[in-house]
C-alpha atoms as a PDB file:
ATOM      1  CA  PRO A   1     -90.046 -11.462-283.350  1.00  0.00           C
ATOM      2  CA  VAL A   2     -91.779  -8.098-283.722  1.00  0.00           C
ATOM      3  CA  ALA A   3     -93.570  -6.789-280.622  1.00  0.00           C
ATOM      4  CA  THR A   4     -96.638  -4.760-281.336  1.00  0.00           C
ATOM      5  CA  GLU A   5     -97.770  -2.283-278.650  1.00  0.00           C
ATOM      6  CA  PRO A   6    -100.844  -2.968-276.506  1.00  0.00           C
ATOM      7  CA  ASP A   7    -103.647  -0.476-276.587  1.00  0.00           C
ATOM      8  CA  SER A   8    -103.747  -0.133-272.846  1.00  0.00           C
ATOM      9  CA  VAL A   9    -102.523  -1.806-269.754  1.00  0.00           C
ATOM     10  CA  THR A  10    -105.687  -3.953-269.685  1.00  0.00           C
ATOM     11  CA  SER A  11    -106.263  -5.003-273.227  1.00  0.00           C
ATOM     12  CA  ALA A  12    -103.908  -6.112-275.909  1.00  0.00           C
ATOM     13  CA  ARG A  13    -104.462  -5.141-279.577  1.00  0.00           C
ATOM     14  CA  GLU A  14    -104.290  -7.673-282.321  1.00  0.00           C
ATOM     15  CA  SER A  15    -102.867  -5.411-285.119  1.00  0.00           C
ATOM     16  CA  GLU A  16    -101.763  -5.549-288.620  1.00  0.00           C
ATOM     17  CA  VAL A  17     -97.999  -5.580-288.978  1.00  0.00           C
ATOM     18  CA  ASN A  18     -96.545  -4.106-292.158  1.00  0.00           C
ATOM     19  CA  TYR A  19     -93.543  -6.080-293.468  1.00  0.00           C
ATOM     20  CA  HIS A  20     -91.186  -5.472-296.252  1.00  0.00           C
ATOM     21  CA  PRO A  21     -92.768  -6.550-299.612  1.00  0.00           C
ATOM     22  CA  SER A  22     -90.197  -9.383-300.049  1.00  0.00           C
ATOM     23  CA  MET A  23     -91.704 -11.192-297.013  1.00  0.00           C
ATOM     24  CA  SER A  24     -94.986 -12.969-297.699  1.00  0.00           C
ATOM     25  CA  ARG A  25     -96.453 -12.696-294.211  1.00  0.00           C
ATOM     26  CA  ALA A  26     -95.747 -13.183-290.503  1.00  0.00           C
ATOM     27  CA  ALA A  27     -96.955 -15.701-288.037  1.00  0.00           C
ATOM     28  CA  ARG A  28     -98.016 -15.110-284.522  1.00  0.00           C
ATOM     29  CA  GLN A  29     -95.492 -16.302-281.937  1.00  0.00           C
ATOM     30  CA  TYR A  30     -95.474 -16.686-278.315  1.00  0.00           C
ATOM     31  CA  LEU A  31     -91.761 -17.261-277.856  1.00  0.00           C
ATOM     32  CA  TYR A  32     -89.069 -14.578-277.815  1.00  0.00           C
ATOM     33  CA  ALA A  33     -85.612 -14.780-279.599  1.00  0.00           C
ATOM     34  CA  GLY A  34     -82.978 -12.790-277.551  1.00  0.00           C
ATOM     35  CA  GLY A  35     -80.592 -12.575-280.500  1.00  0.00           C
ATOM     36  CA  PHE A  36     -83.042 -11.283-283.081  1.00  0.00           C
ATOM     37  CA  ASN A  37     -85.996  -9.127-282.113  1.00  0.00           C
ATOM     38  CA  PHE A  38     -87.264  -5.611-282.762  1.00  0.00           C
ATOM     39  CA  GLY A  39     -90.231  -3.457-281.997  1.00  0.00           C
ATOM     40  CA  PRO A  40     -91.294  -0.112-280.672  1.00  0.00           C
ATOM     41  CA  SER A  41     -88.868   1.595-278.235  1.00  0.00           C
ATOM     42  CA  ARG A  42     -91.724   1.627-275.650  1.00  0.00           C
ATOM     43  CA  VAL A  43     -90.901  -2.067-275.077  1.00  0.00           C
ATOM     44  CA  ILE A  44     -87.692  -1.101-273.346  1.00  0.00           C
ATOM     45  CA  TRP A  45     -89.557   0.916-270.745  1.00  0.00           C
ATOM     46  CA  ASP A  46     -92.576  -1.424-270.317  1.00  0.00           C
ATOM     47  CA  VAL A  47     -90.734  -4.663-270.201  1.00  0.00           C
ATOM     48  CA  PRO A  48     -87.057  -3.924-269.443  1.00  0.00           C
ATOM     49  CA  TYR A  49     -84.458  -6.720-269.754  1.00  0.00           C
ATOM     50  CA  ASP A  50     -83.705  -8.076-266.260  1.00  0.00           C
ATOM     51  CA  THR A  51     -80.039  -7.348-266.051  1.00  0.00           C
ATOM     52  CA  MET A  52     -79.920  -7.771-262.201  1.00  0.00           C
ATOM     53  CA  GLY A  53     -82.087 -10.744-261.396  1.00  0.00           C
ATOM     54  CA  LEU A  54     -81.085 -12.957-264.308  1.00  0.00           C
ATOM     55  CA  HIS A  55     -77.538 -11.955-264.916  1.00  0.00           C
ATOM     56  CA  HIS A  56     -76.317 -15.544-264.195  1.00  0.00           C
ATOM     57  CA  LEU A  57     -78.743 -17.178-266.580  1.00  0.00           C
ATOM     58  CA  PHE A  58     -78.112 -18.106-270.213  1.00  0.00           C
ATOM     59  CA  PHE A  59     -80.827 -20.493-270.918  1.00  0.00           C
ATOM     60  CA  GLY A  60     -84.188 -19.241-269.633  1.00  0.00           C
ATOM     61  CA  GLU A  61     -84.017 -15.469-270.081  1.00  0.00           C
ATOM     62  CA  GLU A  62     -85.932 -15.748-273.364  1.00  0.00           C
ATOM     63  CA  LEU A  63     -88.787 -17.583-271.696  1.00  0.00           C
ATOM     64  CA  SER A  64     -88.749 -14.784-269.010  1.00  0.00           C
ATOM     65  CA  MET A  65     -89.082 -12.114-271.750  1.00  0.00           C
ATOM     66  CA  ALA A  66     -91.761 -14.100-273.581  1.00  0.00           C
ATOM     67  CA  VAL A  67     -94.067 -14.439-270.584  1.00  0.00           C
ATOM     68  CA  ARG A  68     -93.405 -10.863-269.437  1.00  0.00           C
ATOM     69  CA  LEU A  69     -94.100  -9.466-272.936  1.00  0.00           C
ATOM     70  CA  PHE A  70     -97.200 -11.512-273.196  1.00  0.00           C
ATOM     71  CA  THR A  71     -98.563 -10.441-269.777  1.00  0.00           C
ATOM     72  CA  HIS A  72     -97.896  -6.865-270.569  1.00  0.00           C
ATOM     73  CA  GLY A  73    -100.062  -7.196-273.650  1.00  0.00           C
ATOM     74  CA  TYR A  74     -97.398  -7.315-276.368  1.00  0.00           C
ATOM     75  CA  ASP A  75     -97.972  -9.633-279.378  1.00  0.00           C
ATOM     76  CA  LEU A  76     -95.027 -11.197-281.095  1.00  0.00           C
ATOM     77  CA  TYR A  77     -94.726 -12.008-284.775  1.00  0.00           C
ATOM     78  CA  ALA A  78     -92.080 -13.704-286.887  1.00  0.00           C
ATOM     79  CA  PRO A  79     -91.511 -13.908-290.631  1.00  0.00           C
ATOM     80  CA  GLU A  80     -92.381 -17.234-292.139  1.00  0.00           C
ATOM     81  CA  GLU A  81     -89.112 -17.261-294.103  1.00  0.00           C
ATOM     82  CA  THR A  82     -85.715 -17.518-292.580  1.00  0.00           C
ATOM     83  CA  VAL A  83     -84.223 -14.056-292.451  1.00  0.00           C
ATOM     84  CA  CYS A  84     -81.084 -14.652-290.243  1.00  0.00           C
ATOM     85  CA  TYR A  85     -78.994 -17.532-288.992  1.00  0.00           C
ATOM     86  CA  HIS A  86     -77.283 -18.080-285.648  1.00  0.00           C
ATOM     87  CA  LEU A  87     -73.977 -19.751-284.962  1.00  0.00           C
ATOM     88  CA  TRP A  88     -74.710 -22.111-282.052  1.00  0.00           C
ATOM     89  CA  SER A  89     -71.254 -23.317-281.525  1.00  0.00           C
ATOM     90  CA  ARG A  90     -69.374 -21.375-278.848  1.00  0.00           C
ATOM     91  CA  SER A  91     -66.031 -23.306-279.362  1.00  0.00           C
ATOM     92  CA  HIS A  92     -64.413 -20.188-280.879  1.00  0.00           C
ATOM     93  CA  ARG A  93     -64.995 -17.981-277.728  1.00  0.00           C
ATOM     94  CA  PRO A  94     -65.358 -18.362-273.926  1.00  0.00           C
ATOM     95  CA  THR A  95     -68.908 -18.612-272.572  1.00  0.00           C
ATOM     96  CA  ASN A  96     -70.383 -16.230-270.091  1.00  0.00           C
ATOM     97  CA  SER A  97     -70.115 -18.874-267.352  1.00  0.00           C
ATOM     98  CA  ALA A  98     -66.417 -19.541-268.235  1.00  0.00           C
ATOM     99  CA  LEU A  99     -65.716 -15.770-267.948  1.00  0.00           C
ATOM    100  CA  ALA A 100     -67.637 -15.564-264.532  1.00  0.00           C
ATOM    101  CA  THR A 101     -65.740 -18.683-263.243  1.00  0.00           C
ATOM    102  CA  ALA A 102     -62.562 -16.617-263.674  1.00  0.00           C
ATOM    103  CA  THR A 103     -63.734 -14.158-261.028  1.00  0.00           C
ATOM    104  CA  LYS A 104     -65.999 -16.275-258.784  1.00  0.00           C
ATOM    105  CA  THR A 105     -66.090 -19.785-257.507  1.00  0.00           C
ATOM    106  CA  VAL A 106     -67.915 -22.374-259.487  1.00  0.00           C
ATOM    107  CA  GLU A 107     -70.174 -23.076-256.511  1.00  0.00           C
ATOM    108  CA  ALA A 108     -71.111 -19.416-256.126  1.00  0.00           C
ATOM    109  CA  ASN A 109     -72.062 -19.192-259.847  1.00  0.00           C
ATOM    110  CA  LYS A 110     -74.245 -22.420-259.546  1.00  0.00           C
ATOM    111  CA  LYS A 111     -76.043 -20.806-256.541  1.00  0.00           C
ATOM    112  CA  LEU A 112     -76.690 -17.534-258.423  1.00  0.00           C
ATOM    113  CA  ARG A 113     -77.827 -19.484-261.577  1.00  0.00           C
ATOM    114  CA  LYS A 114     -80.323 -21.506-259.432  1.00  0.00           C
ATOM    115  CA  LEU A 115     -81.711 -18.214-258.019  1.00  0.00           C
ATOM    116  CA  SER A 116     -82.151 -16.868-261.547  1.00  0.00           C
ATOM    117  CA  GLU A 117     -83.870 -20.137-262.562  1.00  0.00           C
ATOM    118  CA  ALA A 118     -86.194 -19.806-259.602  1.00  0.00           C
ATOM    119  CA  ILE A 119     -87.180 -16.318-260.734  1.00  0.00           C
ATOM    120  CA  VAL A 120     -88.095 -17.528-264.224  1.00  0.00           C
ATOM    121  CA  GLN A 121     -89.997 -20.466-262.776  1.00  0.00           C
ATOM    122  CA  LYS A 122     -92.124 -18.127-260.621  1.00  0.00           C
ATOM    123  CA  GLN A 123     -92.778 -15.946-263.705  1.00  0.00           C
ATOM    124  CA  LEU A 124     -93.885 -18.897-265.732  1.00  0.00           C
ATOM    125  CA  LEU A 125     -96.155 -20.130-262.911  1.00  0.00           C
ATOM    126  CA  GLY A 126     -97.704 -16.599-262.594  1.00  0.00           C
ATOM    127  CA  ASP A 127     -96.583 -15.760-259.083  1.00  0.00           C
ATOM    128  CA  GLU A 128     -98.906 -12.967-258.031  1.00  0.00           C
ATOM    129  CA  LYS A 129     -96.006 -11.207-256.142  1.00  0.00           C
ATOM    130  CA  LEU A 130     -94.354 -10.547-259.539  1.00  0.00           C
ATOM    131  CA  VAL A 131     -97.416  -8.880-261.126  1.00  0.00           C
ATOM    132  CA  GLY A 132     -96.699  -5.173-261.550  1.00  0.00           C
ATOM    133  CA  ALA A 133     -93.171  -5.568-260.068  1.00  0.00           C
ATOM    134  CA  HIS A 134     -90.110  -4.147-261.744  1.00  0.00           C
ATOM    135  CA  CYS A 135     -88.945  -6.702-264.252  1.00  0.00           C
ATOM    136  CA  GLY A 136     -92.026  -8.751-263.278  1.00  0.00           C
ATOM    137  CA  LEU A 137     -95.330  -9.774-264.958  1.00  0.00           C
ATOM    138  CA  GLY A 138     -97.842  -7.450-266.468  1.00  0.00           C
ATOM    139  CA  LYS A 139    -101.556  -7.077-265.850  1.00  0.00           C
ATOM    140  CA  ALA A 140    -102.923  -7.291-269.408  1.00  0.00           C
ATOM    141  CA  ARG A 141    -102.857 -11.076-269.668  1.00  0.00           C
ATOM    142  CA  THR A 142    -101.966 -13.969-267.349  1.00  0.00           C
ATOM    143  CA  ALA A 143     -99.129 -16.308-267.193  1.00  0.00           C
ATOM    144  CA  THR A 144    -101.672 -19.108-267.292  1.00  0.00           C
ATOM    145  CA  ALA A 145    -103.032 -17.831-270.623  1.00  0.00           C
ATOM    146  CA  PHE A 146     -99.431 -17.784-271.892  1.00  0.00           C
ATOM    147  CA  ALA A 147     -98.945 -21.391-270.891  1.00  0.00           C
ATOM    148  CA  ASP A 148    -102.291 -22.357-272.535  1.00  0.00           C
ATOM    149  CA  HIS A 149    -101.282 -20.755-275.886  1.00  0.00           C
ATOM    150  CA  LEU A 150     -97.925 -22.707-275.789  1.00  0.00           C
ATOM    151  CA  GLY A 151     -99.643 -25.978-274.780  1.00  0.00           C
ATOM    152  CA  VAL A 152     -97.352 -26.379-271.777  1.00  0.00           C
ATOM    153  CA  ASP A 153     -97.906 -27.212-268.116  1.00  0.00           C
ATOM    154  CA  PHE A 154     -94.951 -25.353-266.493  1.00  0.00           C
ATOM    155  CA  GLU A 155     -95.672 -26.844-263.047  1.00  0.00           C
ATOM    156  CA  LYS A 156     -95.426 -30.456-264.339  1.00  0.00           C
ATOM    157  CA  GLN A 157     -92.944 -29.415-267.111  1.00  0.00           C
ATOM    158  CA  ILE A 158     -94.891 -31.280-269.818  1.00  0.00           C
ATOM    159  CA  PHE A 159     -96.502 -30.578-273.177  1.00  0.00           C
ATOM    160  CA  VAL A 160    -100.264 -30.846-272.705  1.00  0.00           C
ATOM    161  CA  ARG A 161    -101.255 -30.978-276.411  1.00  0.00           C
ATOM    162  CA  GLU A 162    -100.563 -33.893-278.607  1.00  0.00           C
ATOM    163  CA  GLY A 163     -97.851 -33.185-281.122  1.00  0.00           C
ATOM    164  CA  TRP A 164     -96.877 -29.812-279.663  1.00  0.00           C
ATOM    165  CA  ASP A 165     -93.508 -31.111-278.687  1.00  0.00           C
ATOM    166  CA  CYS A 166     -92.672 -30.255-282.307  1.00  0.00           C
ATOM    167  CA  GLY A 167     -94.351 -26.958-282.213  1.00  0.00           C
ATOM    168  CA  ASP A 168     -97.465 -28.172-283.938  1.00  0.00           C
ATOM    169  CA  LEU A 169     -95.371 -28.973-286.968  1.00  0.00           C
ATOM    170  CA  ASP A 170     -95.005 -32.241-288.952  1.00  0.00           C
ATOM    171  CA  SER A 171     -91.685 -33.955-288.352  1.00  0.00           C
ATOM    172  CA  LYS A 172     -90.906 -33.429-292.082  1.00  0.00           C
ATOM    173  CA  ASP A 173     -90.691 -29.716-291.410  1.00  0.00           C
ATOM    174  CA  PHE A 174     -87.460 -30.338-289.574  1.00  0.00           C
END
């Protein structure tokens, strides 16, 4: 996704995004792709990647970035055409947890992963203590507004809109 800069700390700007002529248009997104994203360099300073609090987490850091970017006022866009592919299989290489297991006990890794998951859960629920904190939530928009846009109740862990379990797409789109 492309992150567009907010006008200020308190109001986000819906802006035109100029894409390469071969791309027909972009769609507004609320989720973040860790393996394929780009935007202004200011994002690195405003919403730094949490390398300390979430370093034991593989699934969940993208949700953390998505809610943090949203609450800091950044808008995400993605091309409507496929522009890259991702090899999901990790059978050809060791995973992060397999590498970490070589240096720490499995139980210690599980404990650290649970702590990381708890941080993301607090972010998604809009924990007020995280607003304005380093690697925390921004002040431009709320985590509740993020959940509303997604059609998700993070506390109950359910979709709250009919059909949104498929991203508001028809099953034939899959």
